[in-house]
Amino acid sequence: MSTPLETISAEATVEKAAQLMRQKDIKAIVVRTTPPGIISSTDVITAVADGRNVSELQVADVMTTEVETASPDNYLEEAAAMMTAYDIKHLPIVDDDYVGMISSTDIAAHALLNVDTVYGLDG
């Protein structure tokens, strides 16, 4: 899980979101809205490909709404199953507040670590 969680305002520009993703080397940012939202690098690429002006376009105009979330108490396998079932690459982890984000990259890295350990490839 990636922590601390990066968030952005729904009123921020898509350009600002893209800059934050590049600066933090991440592919998605939680948008603190009710219900929660998320803007991903795919949303940014789609906006650019559509010829939209990302320096004026707001995050709210392209973000995904009604985002699935998981609890910190969920097992990684449960999070992976949710991500597969909902065909998503990022899953915000929420307790009383946002805690972090699990990405498909996190799932893959964990799976690889377990394979290495099981087959004695970790050292």
C-alpha atoms as a PDB file:
ATOM      1  CA  MET A   1       0.000   0.000   0.000  1.00  0.00           C
ATOM      2  CA  SER A   2       1.262   3.449  -0.887  1.00  0.00           C
ATOM      3  CA  THR A   3       1.326   5.956   1.948  1.00  0.00           C
ATOM      4  CA  PRO A   4       1.024   8.796   2.561  1.00  0.00           C
ATOM      5  CA  LEU A   5      -1.963   9.079   0.289  1.00  0.00           C
ATOM      6  CA  GLU A   6      -1.835  11.872  -2.252  1.00  0.00           C
ATOM      7  CA  THR A   7      -5.074  13.814  -2.665  1.00  0.00           C
ATOM      8  CA  ILE A   8      -6.209  16.680  -4.826  1.00  0.00           C
ATOM      9  CA  SER A   9      -9.162  19.042  -4.931  1.00  0.00           C
ATOM     10  CA  ALA A  10     -11.929  18.511  -7.485  1.00  0.00           C
ATOM     11  CA  GLU A  11     -11.431  22.158  -8.479  1.00  0.00           C
ATOM     12  CA  ALA A  12      -7.727  21.722  -9.275  1.00  0.00           C
ATOM     13  CA  THR A  13      -6.741  21.615 -12.931  1.00  0.00           C
ATOM     14  CA  VAL A  14      -6.019  18.356 -14.704  1.00  0.00           C
ATOM     15  CA  GLU A  15      -2.596  19.830 -15.492  1.00  0.00           C
ATOM     16  CA  LYS A  16      -1.928  20.202 -11.745  1.00  0.00           C
ATOM     17  CA  ALA A  17      -3.001  16.588 -11.183  1.00  0.00           C
ATOM     18  CA  ALA A  18      -0.637  15.411 -13.943  1.00  0.00           C
ATOM     19  CA  GLN A  19       2.218  17.415 -12.442  1.00  0.00           C
ATOM     20  CA  LEU A  20       1.568  15.901  -9.004  1.00  0.00           C
ATOM     21  CA  MET A  21       1.487  12.380 -10.477  1.00  0.00           C
ATOM     22  CA  ARG A  22       4.815  12.977 -12.205  1.00  0.00           C
ATOM     23  CA  GLN A  23       6.395  14.578  -9.113  1.00  0.00           C
ATOM     24  CA  LYS A  24       5.291  11.715  -6.830  1.00  0.00           C
ATOM     25  CA  ASP A  25       5.780   8.989  -9.488  1.00  0.00           C
ATOM     26  CA  ILE A  26       2.217   7.722  -9.064  1.00  0.00           C
ATOM     27  CA  LYS A  27      -0.580   6.855 -11.487  1.00  0.00           C
ATOM     28  CA  ALA A  28      -3.662   7.967  -9.530  1.00  0.00           C
ATOM     29  CA  ILE A  29      -4.747  10.519  -6.955  1.00  0.00           C
ATOM     30  CA  VAL A  30      -7.764  10.428  -4.646  1.00  0.00           C
ATOM     31  CA  VAL A  31     -10.138  13.358  -5.034  1.00  0.00           C
ATOM     32  CA  ARG A  32     -11.647  14.261  -1.676  1.00  0.00           C
ATOM     33  CA  THR A  33     -15.301  14.417  -2.653  1.00  0.00           C
ATOM     34  CA  THR A  34     -18.458  12.744  -1.419  1.00  0.00           C
ATOM     35  CA  PRO A  35     -18.696  10.100  -2.725  1.00  0.00           C
ATOM     36  CA  PRO A  36     -14.935   9.675  -3.157  1.00  0.00           C
ATOM     37  CA  GLY A  37     -13.399  10.211  -6.569  1.00  0.00           C
ATOM     38  CA  ILE A  38     -10.135   9.343  -8.246  1.00  0.00           C
ATOM     39  CA  ILE A  39      -8.195  10.786 -11.161  1.00  0.00           C
ATOM     40  CA  SER A  40      -5.790   8.478 -12.933  1.00  0.00           C
ATOM     41  CA  SER A  41      -3.114   8.888 -15.567  1.00  0.00           C
ATOM     42  CA  THR A  42      -5.575   7.269 -17.986  1.00  0.00           C
ATOM     43  CA  ASP A  43      -8.066  10.088 -17.315  1.00  0.00           C
ATOM     44  CA  VAL A  44      -5.340  12.650 -18.051  1.00  0.00           C
ATOM     45  CA  ILE A  45      -4.266  10.896 -21.267  1.00  0.00           C
ATOM     46  CA  THR A  46      -7.890  10.685 -22.428  1.00  0.00           C
ATOM     47  CA  ALA A  47      -8.392  14.415 -21.830  1.00  0.00           C
ATOM     48  CA  VAL A  48      -5.227  15.266 -23.790  1.00  0.00           C
ATOM     49  CA  ALA A  49      -6.129  12.869 -26.623  1.00  0.00           C
ATOM     50  CA  ASP A  50      -9.572  14.475 -26.836  1.00  0.00           C
ATOM     51  CA  GLY A  51      -7.902  17.862 -27.349  1.00  0.00           C
ATOM     52  CA  ARG A  52      -9.155  19.320 -24.078  1.00  0.00           C
ATOM     53  CA  ASN A  53      -7.222  22.167 -22.463  1.00  0.00           C
ATOM     54  CA  VAL A  54      -5.836  20.510 -19.327  1.00  0.00           C
ATOM     55  CA  SER A  55      -4.532  23.819 -17.993  1.00  0.00           C
ATOM     56  CA  GLU A  56      -8.163  24.968 -17.594  1.00  0.00           C
ATOM     57  CA  LEU A  57     -10.023  21.653 -17.309  1.00  0.00           C
ATOM     58  CA  GLN A  58     -10.906  20.755 -13.727  1.00  0.00           C
ATOM     59  CA  VAL A  59     -10.272  17.389 -12.095  1.00  0.00           C
ATOM     60  CA  ALA A  60     -14.029  17.122 -11.455  1.00  0.00           C
ATOM     61  CA  ASP A  61     -14.617  17.108 -15.220  1.00  0.00           C
ATOM     62  CA  VAL A  62     -12.628  13.901 -15.839  1.00  0.00           C
ATOM     63  CA  MET A  63     -12.371  12.027 -12.533  1.00  0.00           C
ATOM     64  CA  THR A  64     -14.002   8.697 -11.840  1.00  0.00           C
ATOM     65  CA  THR A  65     -16.759   8.942  -9.246  1.00  0.00           C
ATOM     66  CA  GLU A  66     -18.300   6.323  -6.988  1.00  0.00           C
ATOM     67  CA  VAL A  67     -14.918   4.725  -6.388  1.00  0.00           C
ATOM     68  CA  GLU A  68     -14.651   1.342  -4.709  1.00  0.00           C
ATOM     69  CA  THR A  69     -12.696   1.388  -1.443  1.00  0.00           C
ATOM     70  CA  ALA A  70     -11.359  -1.231   0.962  1.00  0.00           C
ATOM     71  CA  SER A  71     -10.669  -1.336   4.670  1.00  0.00           C
ATOM     72  CA  PRO A  72      -7.176  -1.639   6.161  1.00  0.00           C
ATOM     73  CA  ASP A  73      -8.493  -4.888   7.698  1.00  0.00           C
ATOM     74  CA  ASN A  74      -8.997  -6.506   4.282  1.00  0.00           C
ATOM     75  CA  TYR A  75      -6.440  -9.103   3.244  1.00  0.00           C
ATOM     76  CA  LEU A  76      -4.384  -8.331   0.164  1.00  0.00           C
ATOM     77  CA  GLU A  77      -6.085 -11.228  -1.622  1.00  0.00           C
ATOM     78  CA  GLU A  78      -9.477  -9.600  -0.958  1.00  0.00           C
ATOM     79  CA  ALA A  79      -8.236  -6.310  -2.370  1.00  0.00           C
ATOM     80  CA  ALA A  80      -6.876  -8.115  -5.436  1.00  0.00           C
ATOM     81  CA  ALA A  81     -10.205  -9.888  -5.922  1.00  0.00           C
ATOM     82  CA  MET A  82     -12.063  -6.563  -5.706  1.00  0.00           C
ATOM     83  CA  MET A  83      -9.717  -4.975  -8.225  1.00  0.00           C
ATOM     84  CA  THR A  84     -10.258  -7.894 -10.612  1.00  0.00           C
ATOM     85  CA  ALA A  85     -14.035  -7.939 -10.130  1.00  0.00           C
ATOM     86  CA  TYR A  86     -14.399  -4.196 -10.703  1.00  0.00           C
ATOM     87  CA  ASP A  87     -11.668  -4.048 -13.392  1.00  0.00           C
ATOM     88  CA  ILE A  88      -9.771  -1.300 -11.569  1.00  0.00           C
ATOM     89  CA  LYS A  89      -6.059  -0.625 -11.079  1.00  0.00           C
ATOM     90  CA  HIS A  90      -6.217   1.468  -7.894  1.00  0.00           C
ATOM     91  CA  LEU A  91      -8.077   0.850  -4.659  1.00  0.00           C
ATOM     92  CA  PRO A  92      -8.147   3.537  -1.954  1.00  0.00           C
ATOM     93  CA  ILE A  93      -7.900   2.196   1.583  1.00  0.00           C
ATOM     94  CA  VAL A  94     -10.296   3.922   3.954  1.00  0.00           C
ATOM     95  CA  ASP A  95     -10.712   3.695   7.704  1.00  0.00           C
ATOM     96  CA  ASP A  96     -12.264   6.741   9.368  1.00  0.00           C
ATOM     97  CA  ASP A  97     -10.304   8.674   6.750  1.00  0.00           C
ATOM     98  CA  TYR A  98      -8.241   7.783   3.707  1.00  0.00           C
ATOM     99  CA  VAL A  99      -5.238   5.691   4.749  1.00  0.00           C
ATOM    100  CA  GLY A 100      -3.467   4.802   1.510  1.00  0.00           C
ATOM    101  CA  MET A 101      -3.847   3.265  -1.926  1.00  0.00           C
ATOM    102  CA  ILE A 102      -3.221  -0.224  -3.274  1.00  0.00           C
ATOM    103  CA  SER A 103      -2.337  -0.445  -6.946  1.00  0.00           C
ATOM    104  CA  SER A 104      -2.120  -3.346  -9.341  1.00  0.00           C
ATOM    105  CA  THR A 105       1.653  -2.817  -9.185  1.00  0.00           C
ATOM    106  CA  ASP A 106       1.554  -3.379  -5.402  1.00  0.00           C
ATOM    107  CA  ILE A 107      -0.395  -6.616  -5.938  1.00  0.00           C
ATOM    108  CA  ALA A 108       2.068  -7.835  -8.582  1.00  0.00           C
ATOM    109  CA  ALA A 109       5.097  -6.979  -6.426  1.00  0.00           C
ATOM    110  CA  HIS A 110       3.613  -8.862  -3.469  1.00  0.00           C
ATOM    111  CA  ALA A 111       2.821 -11.888  -5.637  1.00  0.00           C
ATOM    112  CA  LEU A 112       6.356 -11.895  -7.043  1.00  0.00           C
ATOM    113  CA  LEU A 113       7.841 -11.666  -3.547  1.00  0.00           C
ATOM    114  CA  ASN A 114       5.772 -14.667  -2.443  1.00  0.00           C
ATOM    115  CA  VAL A 115       6.793 -16.712  -5.496  1.00  0.00           C
ATOM    116  CA  ASP A 116      10.450 -15.907  -4.839  1.00  0.00           C
ATOM    117  CA  THR A 117      10.100 -16.953  -1.180  1.00  0.00           C
ATOM    118  CA  VAL A 118       8.199 -20.176  -1.945  1.00  0.00           C
ATOM    119  CA  TYR A 119      10.723 -21.267  -4.567  1.00  0.00           C
ATOM    120  CA  GLY A 120      13.795 -20.152  -2.632  1.00  0.00           C
ATOM    121  CA  LEU A 121      14.677 -17.368  -5.077  1.00  0.00           C
ATOM    122  CA  ASP A 122      14.914 -14.654  -2.439  1.00  0.00           C
ATOM    123  CA  GLY A 123      18.521 -15.039  -1.612  1.00  0.00           C
END
